[in-house]
Amino acid sequence: MSPCAPARPLVLLLSGPNLGLLGQRQPEVYGRATLEDHVAAARAEAEALGLQLEHQQTDHEGTLLEAVHGARTRAAGLVVNAGALTHYSWALHDALAAFDGVVVELHLSNPAAREPWRHTSVVAPVAHGLVAGFGGLGYRLAVRAVAELLAQRRQEGP
């Protein structure tokens, strides 16, 4: 990249607990693709849309919170698949609420079609939208949603 070229906006893809087991854990619910497969698809979509994509997976709530806090000064958008933390982590809710960029909540399965405890998302009130139930396609759709919302913000101006 030349020194005069504008930097591509950064999207941080965050994967919460147990997502490192994708491809092995409940393939009837989550499919056979690995997390690495989904990240590669998201990265390819981001590149095609002129975005950079970084990914972080953690099984620890505090590490996820630190990633959100760190994104405040460097990322334009977040795609968050928080796994089970989606349903009870008010700390994650608060961290996302302090992020000024675009936030898209992501799930491979459709939580509304699953166990009742999965029907509530504490992430939803602080996300711009939700992509759920599309399996691996959801990763590309979530990145595209971030790109579209960032473009809208640029058109609307400060």
N, C-alpha and C. Protein backbone atom coordinates (compact mmCIF):
# COMPACT_ATOMS: atom_id res chain seq x y z
N MET A 1 0.85 -1.18 0.00
CA MET A 1 0.00 0.00 0.00
C MET A 1 0.89 1.24 0.00
N SER A 2 0.57 2.19 -0.84
CA SER A 2 1.37 3.41 -0.89
C SER A 2 1.06 4.28 0.31
N PRO A 3 2.00 5.17 0.68
CA PRO A 3 1.78 6.01 1.85
C PRO A 3 0.57 6.93 1.69
N CYS A 4 0.16 7.24 0.45
CA CYS A 4 -0.97 8.14 0.23
C CYS A 4 -2.30 7.40 0.15
N ALA A 5 -2.27 6.09 -0.01
CA ALA A 5 -3.51 5.32 -0.13
C ALA A 5 -4.21 5.26 1.23
N PRO A 6 -5.55 5.44 1.21
CA PRO A 6 -6.27 5.35 2.48
C PRO A 6 -6.27 3.91 2.99
N ALA A 7 -6.20 3.77 4.27
CA ALA A 7 -6.25 2.44 4.88
C ALA A 7 -7.65 1.86 4.70
N ARG A 8 -7.70 0.58 4.49
CA ARG A 8 -9.00 -0.09 4.40
C ARG A 8 -9.57 -0.20 5.81
N PRO A 9 -10.85 0.08 5.98
CA PRO A 9 -11.46 -0.04 7.30
C PRO A 9 -11.30 -1.45 7.86
N LEU A 10 -11.07 -1.53 9.15
CA LEU A 10 -10.87 -2.81 9.82
C LEU A 10 -12.19 -3.31 10.40
N VAL A 11 -12.47 -4.57 10.15
CA VAL A 11 -13.58 -5.28 10.77
C VAL A 11 -12.96 -6.36 11.65
N LEU A 12 -13.37 -6.38 12.90
CA LEU A 12 -12.90 -7.40 13.83
C LEU A 12 -13.98 -8.44 13.99
N LEU A 13 -13.67 -9.68 13.65
CA LEU A 13 -14.57 -10.81 13.81
C LEU A 13 -14.23 -11.48 15.14
N LEU A 14 -15.20 -11.51 16.03
CA LEU A 14 -14.99 -12.09 17.36
C LEU A 14 -15.79 -13.37 17.51
N SER A 15 -15.13 -14.42 17.94
CA SER A 15 -15.76 -15.73 18.13
C SER A 15 -15.62 -16.13 19.59
N GLY A 16 -16.75 -16.42 20.21
CA GLY A 16 -16.76 -16.74 21.62
C GLY A 16 -16.57 -18.21 21.94
N PRO A 17 -16.98 -18.59 23.15
CA PRO A 17 -16.74 -19.93 23.68
C PRO A 17 -17.23 -21.05 22.77
N ASN A 18 -16.42 -22.08 22.68
CA ASN A 18 -16.70 -23.33 21.99
C ASN A 18 -16.68 -23.24 20.47
N LEU A 19 -16.52 -22.05 19.92
CA LEU A 19 -16.52 -21.95 18.46
C LEU A 19 -15.25 -22.52 17.85
N GLY A 20 -14.22 -22.67 18.64
CA GLY A 20 -13.01 -23.35 18.16
C GLY A 20 -13.25 -24.82 17.87
N LEU A 21 -14.39 -25.34 18.33
CA LEU A 21 -14.72 -26.75 18.10
C LEU A 21 -15.61 -26.96 16.87
N LEU A 22 -15.88 -25.88 16.12
CA LEU A 22 -16.72 -26.04 14.93
C LEU A 22 -16.12 -27.09 14.01
N GLY A 23 -16.99 -27.87 13.39
CA GLY A 23 -16.57 -28.98 12.55
C GLY A 23 -16.57 -30.28 13.31
N GLN A 24 -16.46 -30.19 14.63
CA GLN A 24 -16.45 -31.37 15.50
C GLN A 24 -17.68 -31.40 16.41
N ARG A 25 -18.07 -30.24 16.89
CA ARG A 25 -19.14 -30.13 17.88
C ARG A 25 -20.50 -30.02 17.20
N GLN A 26 -21.39 -30.92 17.50
CA GLN A 26 -22.76 -30.91 17.01
C GLN A 26 -22.86 -30.52 15.52
N PRO A 27 -22.28 -31.30 14.64
CA PRO A 27 -22.34 -30.95 13.21
C PRO A 27 -23.76 -30.88 12.67
N GLU A 28 -24.70 -31.57 13.31
CA GLU A 28 -26.10 -31.50 12.88
C GLU A 28 -26.70 -30.12 13.12
N VAL A 29 -26.11 -29.36 14.05
CA VAL A 29 -26.58 -28.00 14.34
C VAL A 29 -25.68 -26.97 13.66
N TYR A 30 -24.36 -27.15 13.76
CA TYR A 30 -23.41 -26.13 13.34
C TYR A 30 -22.70 -26.45 12.02
N GLY A 31 -22.94 -27.61 11.45
CA GLY A 31 -22.30 -27.99 10.20
C GLY A 31 -20.93 -28.61 10.40
N ARG A 32 -20.31 -28.96 9.29
CA ARG A 32 -19.01 -29.64 9.32
C ARG A 32 -17.84 -28.70 9.06
N ALA A 33 -18.12 -27.48 8.64
CA ALA A 33 -17.04 -26.52 8.38
C ALA A 33 -16.39 -26.11 9.70
N THR A 34 -15.10 -25.87 9.66
CA THR A 34 -14.36 -25.43 10.83
C THR A 34 -14.46 -23.92 10.98
N LEU A 35 -14.05 -23.44 12.13
CA LEU A 35 -13.99 -21.99 12.34
C LEU A 35 -13.05 -21.37 11.32
N GLU A 36 -11.94 -22.03 11.05
CA GLU A 36 -10.98 -21.52 10.06
C GLU A 36 -11.64 -21.38 8.68
N ASP A 37 -12.51 -22.32 8.32
CA ASP A 37 -13.24 -22.22 7.05
C ASP A 37 -14.12 -20.97 7.03
N HIS A 38 -14.84 -20.74 8.13
CA HIS A 38 -15.73 -19.57 8.20
C HIS A 38 -14.93 -18.26 8.19
N VAL A 39 -13.82 -18.24 8.89
CA VAL A 39 -12.98 -17.03 8.91
C VAL A 39 -12.43 -16.76 7.51
N ALA A 40 -12.01 -17.80 6.81
CA ALA A 40 -11.50 -17.61 5.45
C ALA A 40 -12.57 -17.03 4.54
N ALA A 41 -13.81 -17.50 4.67
CA ALA A 41 -14.91 -16.96 3.86
C ALA A 41 -15.18 -15.50 4.21
N ALA A 42 -15.16 -15.19 5.50
CA ALA A 42 -15.37 -13.80 5.94
C ALA A 42 -14.25 -12.90 5.45
N ARG A 43 -13.02 -13.40 5.51
CA ARG A 43 -11.87 -12.62 5.06
C ARG A 43 -11.94 -12.35 3.55
N ALA A 44 -12.32 -13.36 2.78
CA ALA A 44 -12.45 -13.18 1.33
C ALA A 44 -13.54 -12.15 1.01
N GLU A 45 -14.64 -12.21 1.73
CA GLU A 45 -15.72 -11.23 1.53
C GLU A 45 -15.24 -9.83 1.88
N ALA A 46 -14.54 -9.72 2.99
CA ALA A 46 -14.02 -8.41 3.41
C ALA A 46 -13.08 -7.85 2.36
N GLU A 47 -12.16 -8.66 1.88
CA GLU A 47 -11.21 -8.21 0.85
C GLU A 47 -11.96 -7.72 -0.39
N ALA A 48 -12.97 -8.47 -0.82
CA ALA A 48 -13.74 -8.10 -2.00
C ALA A 48 -14.47 -6.78 -1.81
N LEU A 49 -14.78 -6.45 -0.57
CA LEU A 49 -15.51 -5.22 -0.26
C LEU A 49 -14.60 -4.08 0.17
N GLY A 50 -13.28 -4.28 0.08
CA GLY A 50 -12.34 -3.22 0.43
C GLY A 50 -12.12 -3.05 1.92
N LEU A 51 -12.35 -4.11 2.68
CA LEU A 51 -12.16 -4.08 4.13
C LEU A 51 -11.02 -5.00 4.53
N GLN A 52 -10.43 -4.73 5.68
CA GLN A 52 -9.50 -5.66 6.33
C GLN A 52 -10.31 -6.46 7.34
N LEU A 53 -9.91 -7.68 7.60
CA LEU A 53 -10.59 -8.47 8.61
C LEU A 53 -9.56 -9.12 9.51
N GLU A 54 -9.75 -8.96 10.80
CA GLU A 54 -8.97 -9.67 11.81
C GLU A 54 -9.94 -10.55 12.57
N HIS A 55 -9.43 -11.66 13.08
CA HIS A 55 -10.27 -12.59 13.82
C HIS A 55 -9.63 -12.91 15.16
N GLN A 56 -10.47 -13.05 16.16
CA GLN A 56 -10.02 -13.52 17.46
C GLN A 56 -11.08 -14.47 18.03
N GLN A 57 -10.63 -15.64 18.47
CA GLN A 57 -11.51 -16.59 19.14
C GLN A 57 -11.00 -16.78 20.55
N THR A 58 -11.94 -16.84 21.48
CA THR A 58 -11.59 -17.09 22.87
C THR A 58 -12.73 -17.81 23.56
N ASP A 59 -12.36 -18.63 24.52
CA ASP A 59 -13.35 -19.28 25.37
C ASP A 59 -13.55 -18.50 26.67
N HIS A 60 -12.93 -17.33 26.78
CA HIS A 60 -12.94 -16.56 28.03
C HIS A 60 -13.65 -15.22 27.85
N GLU A 61 -14.64 -14.99 28.66
CA GLU A 61 -15.43 -13.77 28.58
C GLU A 61 -14.57 -12.51 28.69
N GLY A 62 -13.65 -12.49 29.65
CA GLY A 62 -12.80 -11.31 29.84
C GLY A 62 -11.94 -11.00 28.64
N THR A 63 -11.44 -12.02 27.98
CA THR A 63 -10.63 -11.82 26.77
C THR A 63 -11.48 -11.22 25.66
N LEU A 64 -12.73 -11.66 25.55
CA LEU A 64 -13.64 -11.10 24.55
C LEU A 64 -13.91 -9.63 24.84
N LEU A 65 -14.11 -9.31 26.12
CA LEU A 65 -14.34 -7.91 26.51
C LEU A 65 -13.13 -7.05 26.16
N GLU A 66 -11.93 -7.55 26.45
CA GLU A 66 -10.72 -6.80 26.13
C GLU A 66 -10.58 -6.58 24.63
N ALA A 67 -10.99 -7.55 23.84
CA ALA A 67 -10.94 -7.38 22.38
C ALA A 67 -11.89 -6.28 21.93
N VAL A 68 -13.07 -6.23 22.50
CA VAL A 68 -14.03 -5.17 22.16
C VAL A 68 -13.47 -3.82 22.58
N HIS A 69 -12.92 -3.73 23.78
CA HIS A 69 -12.34 -2.46 24.24
C HIS A 69 -11.19 -2.03 23.33
N GLY A 70 -10.35 -2.96 22.94
CA GLY A 70 -9.23 -2.64 22.06
C GLY A 70 -9.67 -2.20 20.68
N ALA A 71 -10.82 -2.69 20.25
CA ALA A 71 -11.34 -2.33 18.92
C ALA A 71 -11.83 -0.89 18.87
N ARG A 72 -12.10 -0.29 20.01
CA ARG A 72 -12.67 1.07 20.04
C ARG A 72 -11.79 2.08 19.32
N THR A 73 -10.49 1.90 19.34
CA THR A 73 -9.59 2.88 18.75
C THR A 73 -9.08 2.48 17.37
N ARG A 74 -9.46 1.29 16.87
CA ARG A 74 -8.87 0.87 15.61
C ARG A 74 -9.81 0.20 14.63
N ALA A 75 -10.99 -0.24 15.05
CA ALA A 75 -11.88 -0.96 14.14
C ALA A 75 -13.10 -0.11 13.78
N ALA A 76 -13.54 -0.25 12.55
CA ALA A 76 -14.75 0.43 12.10
C ALA A 76 -15.99 -0.39 12.39
N GLY A 77 -15.80 -1.72 12.51
CA GLY A 77 -16.95 -2.58 12.75
C GLY A 77 -16.56 -3.87 13.44
N LEU A 78 -17.56 -4.46 14.07
CA LEU A 78 -17.40 -5.74 14.74
C LEU A 78 -18.45 -6.71 14.23
N VAL A 79 -18.04 -7.93 13.98
CA VAL A 79 -18.97 -9.04 13.78
C VAL A 79 -18.75 -9.94 14.99
N VAL A 80 -19.81 -10.19 15.74
CA VAL A 80 -19.68 -10.89 17.02
C VAL A 80 -20.54 -12.14 17.04
N ASN A 81 -19.89 -13.29 17.07
CA ASN A 81 -20.55 -14.55 17.37
C ASN A 81 -20.09 -14.93 18.76
N ALA A 82 -20.86 -14.53 19.75
CA ALA A 82 -20.46 -14.68 21.15
C ALA A 82 -20.84 -16.03 21.73
N GLY A 83 -21.40 -16.93 20.92
CA GLY A 83 -21.80 -18.21 21.44
C GLY A 83 -22.77 -18.03 22.59
N ALA A 84 -22.66 -18.86 23.61
CA ALA A 84 -23.59 -18.82 24.74
C ALA A 84 -23.52 -17.50 25.51
N LEU A 85 -22.41 -16.77 25.42
CA LEU A 85 -22.32 -15.46 26.10
C LEU A 85 -23.39 -14.51 25.60
N THR A 86 -23.88 -14.73 24.39
CA THR A 86 -24.95 -13.92 23.80
C THR A 86 -26.14 -13.80 24.75
N HIS A 87 -26.40 -14.85 25.50
CA HIS A 87 -27.65 -14.95 26.23
C HIS A 87 -27.57 -14.47 27.68
N TYR A 88 -26.35 -14.16 28.16
CA TYR A 88 -26.28 -13.76 29.57
C TYR A 88 -25.16 -12.79 29.91
N SER A 89 -24.29 -12.43 28.99
CA SER A 89 -23.15 -11.60 29.35
C SER A 89 -23.49 -10.11 29.24
N TRP A 90 -23.96 -9.59 30.35
CA TRP A 90 -24.23 -8.15 30.40
C TRP A 90 -22.94 -7.35 30.31
N ALA A 91 -21.83 -7.94 30.72
CA ALA A 91 -20.54 -7.28 30.56
C ALA A 91 -20.22 -7.09 29.07
N LEU A 92 -20.51 -8.10 28.26
CA LEU A 92 -20.31 -7.97 26.81
C LEU A 92 -21.26 -6.92 26.24
N HIS A 93 -22.49 -6.94 26.68
CA HIS A 93 -23.46 -5.91 26.28
C HIS A 93 -22.88 -4.51 26.53
N ASP A 94 -22.38 -4.28 27.74
CA ASP A 94 -21.85 -2.96 28.09
C ASP A 94 -20.62 -2.60 27.27
N ALA A 95 -19.75 -3.57 27.02
CA ALA A 95 -18.56 -3.30 26.20
C ALA A 95 -18.96 -2.92 24.79
N LEU A 96 -19.91 -3.65 24.22
CA LEU A 96 -20.37 -3.34 22.86
C LEU A 96 -21.08 -1.99 22.80
N ALA A 97 -21.79 -1.65 23.85
CA ALA A 97 -22.48 -0.35 23.91
C ALA A 97 -21.49 0.81 23.87
N ALA A 98 -20.27 0.59 24.34
CA ALA A 98 -19.25 1.64 24.35
C ALA A 98 -18.48 1.72 23.03
N PHE A 99 -18.78 0.83 22.10
CA PHE A 99 -18.11 0.81 20.80
C PHE A 99 -18.91 1.67 19.83
N ASP A 100 -18.25 2.66 19.20
CA ASP A 100 -18.95 3.60 18.33
C ASP A 100 -19.14 3.10 16.90
N GLY A 101 -18.50 2.02 16.54
CA GLY A 101 -18.61 1.52 15.17
C GLY A 101 -19.83 0.64 14.99
N VAL A 102 -19.87 -0.01 13.85
CA VAL A 102 -20.96 -0.90 13.49
C VAL A 102 -20.78 -2.24 14.21
N VAL A 103 -21.87 -2.78 14.74
CA VAL A 103 -21.85 -4.08 15.40
C VAL A 103 -22.91 -4.97 14.76
N VAL A 104 -22.49 -6.14 14.28
CA VAL A 104 -23.42 -7.13 13.74
C VAL A 104 -23.28 -8.41 14.56
N GLU A 105 -24.39 -8.86 15.10
CA GLU A 105 -24.45 -10.11 15.85
C GLU A 105 -24.60 -11.26 14.84
N LEU A 106 -23.90 -12.35 15.08
CA LEU A 106 -23.88 -13.47 14.13
C LEU A 106 -24.07 -14.79 14.87
N HIS A 107 -24.88 -15.67 14.26
CA HIS A 107 -25.04 -17.04 14.74
C HIS A 107 -25.18 -17.97 13.55
N LEU A 108 -24.51 -19.11 13.60
CA LEU A 108 -24.66 -20.12 12.55
C LEU A 108 -26.07 -20.69 12.54
N SER A 109 -26.57 -21.05 13.71
CA SER A 109 -27.91 -21.59 13.83
C SER A 109 -28.89 -20.44 14.08
N ASN A 110 -30.17 -20.77 14.15
CA ASN A 110 -31.18 -19.78 14.45
C ASN A 110 -31.59 -19.93 15.91
N PRO A 111 -31.08 -19.08 16.80
CA PRO A 111 -31.39 -19.23 18.23
C PRO A 111 -32.90 -19.23 18.53
N ALA A 112 -33.68 -18.51 17.75
CA ALA A 112 -35.12 -18.43 17.99
C ALA A 112 -35.82 -19.75 17.72
N ALA A 113 -35.16 -20.65 17.00
CA ALA A 113 -35.75 -21.95 16.69
C ALA A 113 -35.19 -23.05 17.59
N ARG A 114 -34.46 -22.66 18.61
CA ARG A 114 -33.81 -23.64 19.50
C ARG A 114 -34.38 -23.56 20.91
N GLU A 115 -33.63 -23.99 21.89
CA GLU A 115 -34.10 -24.02 23.27
C GLU A 115 -34.53 -22.62 23.72
N PRO A 116 -35.54 -22.56 24.58
CA PRO A 116 -36.05 -21.25 25.03
C PRO A 116 -34.99 -20.33 25.62
N TRP A 117 -34.00 -20.86 26.32
CA TRP A 117 -32.99 -20.00 26.93
C TRP A 117 -32.15 -19.29 25.87
N ARG A 118 -32.14 -19.79 24.65
CA ARG A 118 -31.38 -19.15 23.57
C ARG A 118 -32.17 -18.03 22.87
N HIS A 119 -33.42 -17.87 23.21
CA HIS A 119 -34.27 -16.89 22.52
C HIS A 119 -33.94 -15.45 22.90
N THR A 120 -33.32 -15.25 24.03
CA THR A 120 -32.97 -13.89 24.48
C THR A 120 -31.50 -13.60 24.18
N SER A 121 -31.27 -12.46 23.57
CA SER A 121 -29.91 -12.00 23.31
C SER A 121 -29.69 -10.69 24.04
N VAL A 122 -28.65 -10.65 24.88
CA VAL A 122 -28.28 -9.38 25.52
C VAL A 122 -27.38 -8.56 24.60
N VAL A 123 -26.94 -9.16 23.49
CA VAL A 123 -26.15 -8.44 22.48
C VAL A 123 -27.07 -7.63 21.56
N ALA A 124 -28.24 -8.17 21.26
CA ALA A 124 -29.14 -7.55 20.28
C ALA A 124 -29.44 -6.07 20.54
N PRO A 125 -29.66 -5.64 21.78
CA PRO A 125 -29.98 -4.23 21.99
C PRO A 125 -28.85 -3.26 21.63
N VAL A 126 -27.63 -3.76 21.54
CA VAL A 126 -26.49 -2.88 21.22
C VAL A 126 -25.87 -3.23 19.86
N ALA A 127 -26.55 -4.07 19.09
CA ALA A 127 -26.09 -4.41 17.74
C ALA A 127 -26.96 -3.70 16.73
N HIS A 128 -26.37 -3.41 15.57
CA HIS A 128 -27.13 -2.81 14.50
C HIS A 128 -28.05 -3.81 13.82
N GLY A 129 -27.69 -5.08 13.89
CA GLY A 129 -28.51 -6.11 13.28
C GLY A 129 -28.01 -7.49 13.63
N LEU A 130 -28.76 -8.49 13.17
CA LEU A 130 -28.51 -9.88 13.48
C LEU A 130 -28.54 -10.70 12.20
N VAL A 131 -27.54 -11.56 12.04
CA VAL A 131 -27.53 -12.55 10.96
C VAL A 131 -27.52 -13.90 11.66
N ALA A 132 -28.58 -14.69 11.44
CA ALA A 132 -28.70 -15.96 12.15
C ALA A 132 -29.40 -16.99 11.28
N GLY A 133 -28.96 -18.23 11.43
CA GLY A 133 -29.65 -19.34 10.80
C GLY A 133 -29.22 -19.67 9.39
N PHE A 134 -28.19 -19.01 8.87
CA PHE A 134 -27.75 -19.23 7.51
C PHE A 134 -26.50 -20.10 7.42
N GLY A 135 -26.11 -20.70 8.53
CA GLY A 135 -24.91 -21.52 8.53
C GLY A 135 -23.70 -20.68 8.16
N GLY A 136 -22.78 -21.28 7.43
CA GLY A 136 -21.55 -20.60 7.04
C GLY A 136 -21.75 -19.37 6.19
N LEU A 137 -22.82 -19.34 5.41
CA LEU A 137 -23.14 -18.16 4.61
C LEU A 137 -23.27 -16.92 5.49
N GLY A 138 -23.67 -17.12 6.73
CA GLY A 138 -23.84 -15.99 7.64
C GLY A 138 -22.59 -15.16 7.84
N TYR A 139 -21.43 -15.78 7.77
CA TYR A 139 -20.19 -15.02 7.94
C TYR A 139 -20.02 -14.01 6.82
N ARG A 140 -20.28 -14.43 5.61
CA ARG A 140 -20.18 -13.49 4.47
C ARG A 140 -21.27 -12.42 4.55
N LEU A 141 -22.48 -12.84 4.91
CA LEU A 141 -23.58 -11.88 5.02
C LEU A 141 -23.30 -10.84 6.11
N ALA A 142 -22.73 -11.26 7.22
CA ALA A 142 -22.43 -10.32 8.31
C ALA A 142 -21.38 -9.30 7.90
N VAL A 143 -20.35 -9.75 7.18
CA VAL A 143 -19.32 -8.82 6.70
C VAL A 143 -19.93 -7.85 5.69
N ARG A 144 -20.78 -8.36 4.82
CA ARG A 144 -21.45 -7.49 3.84
C ARG A 144 -22.33 -6.46 4.55
N ALA A 145 -23.01 -6.87 5.60
CA ALA A 145 -23.84 -5.93 6.37
C ALA A 145 -22.99 -4.82 6.98
N VAL A 146 -21.84 -5.18 7.54
CA VAL A 146 -20.94 -4.16 8.08
C VAL A 146 -20.52 -3.19 6.98
N ALA A 147 -20.14 -3.73 5.83
CA ALA A 147 -19.70 -2.87 4.71
C ALA A 147 -20.80 -1.92 4.29
N GLU A 148 -22.03 -2.41 4.18
CA GLU A 148 -23.16 -1.56 3.77
C GLU A 148 -23.43 -0.47 4.80
N LEU A 149 -23.40 -0.83 6.07
CA LEU A 149 -23.66 0.16 7.11
C LEU A 149 -22.56 1.21 7.18
N LEU A 150 -21.30 0.79 6.97
CA LEU A 150 -20.20 1.76 6.93
C LEU A 150 -20.36 2.70 5.74
N ALA A 151 -20.78 2.18 4.60
CA ALA A 151 -21.00 3.02 3.42
C ALA A 151 -22.12 4.04 3.69
N GLN A 152 -23.18 3.61 4.35
CA GLN A 152 -24.26 4.53 4.71
C GLN A 152 -23.76 5.65 5.61
N ARG A 153 -22.93 5.28 6.58
CA ARG A 153 -22.39 6.29 7.48
C ARG A 153 -21.54 7.31 6.73
N ARG A 154 -20.74 6.82 5.78
CA ARG A 154 -19.91 7.75 4.99
C ARG A 154 -20.79 8.70 4.18
N GLN A 155 -21.88 8.21 3.62
CA GLN A 155 -22.77 9.04 2.83
C GLN A 155 -23.49 10.08 3.69
N GLU A 156 -23.85 9.68 4.90
CA GLU A 156 -24.56 10.59 5.80
C GLU A 156 -23.64 11.65 6.37
N GLY A 157 -22.35 11.34 6.45
CA GLY A 157 -21.38 12.30 6.98
C GLY A 157 -21.45 12.43 8.49
N PRO A 158 -20.60 13.32 9.03
CA PRO A 158 -20.50 13.45 10.49
C PRO A 158 -21.74 14.02 11.14
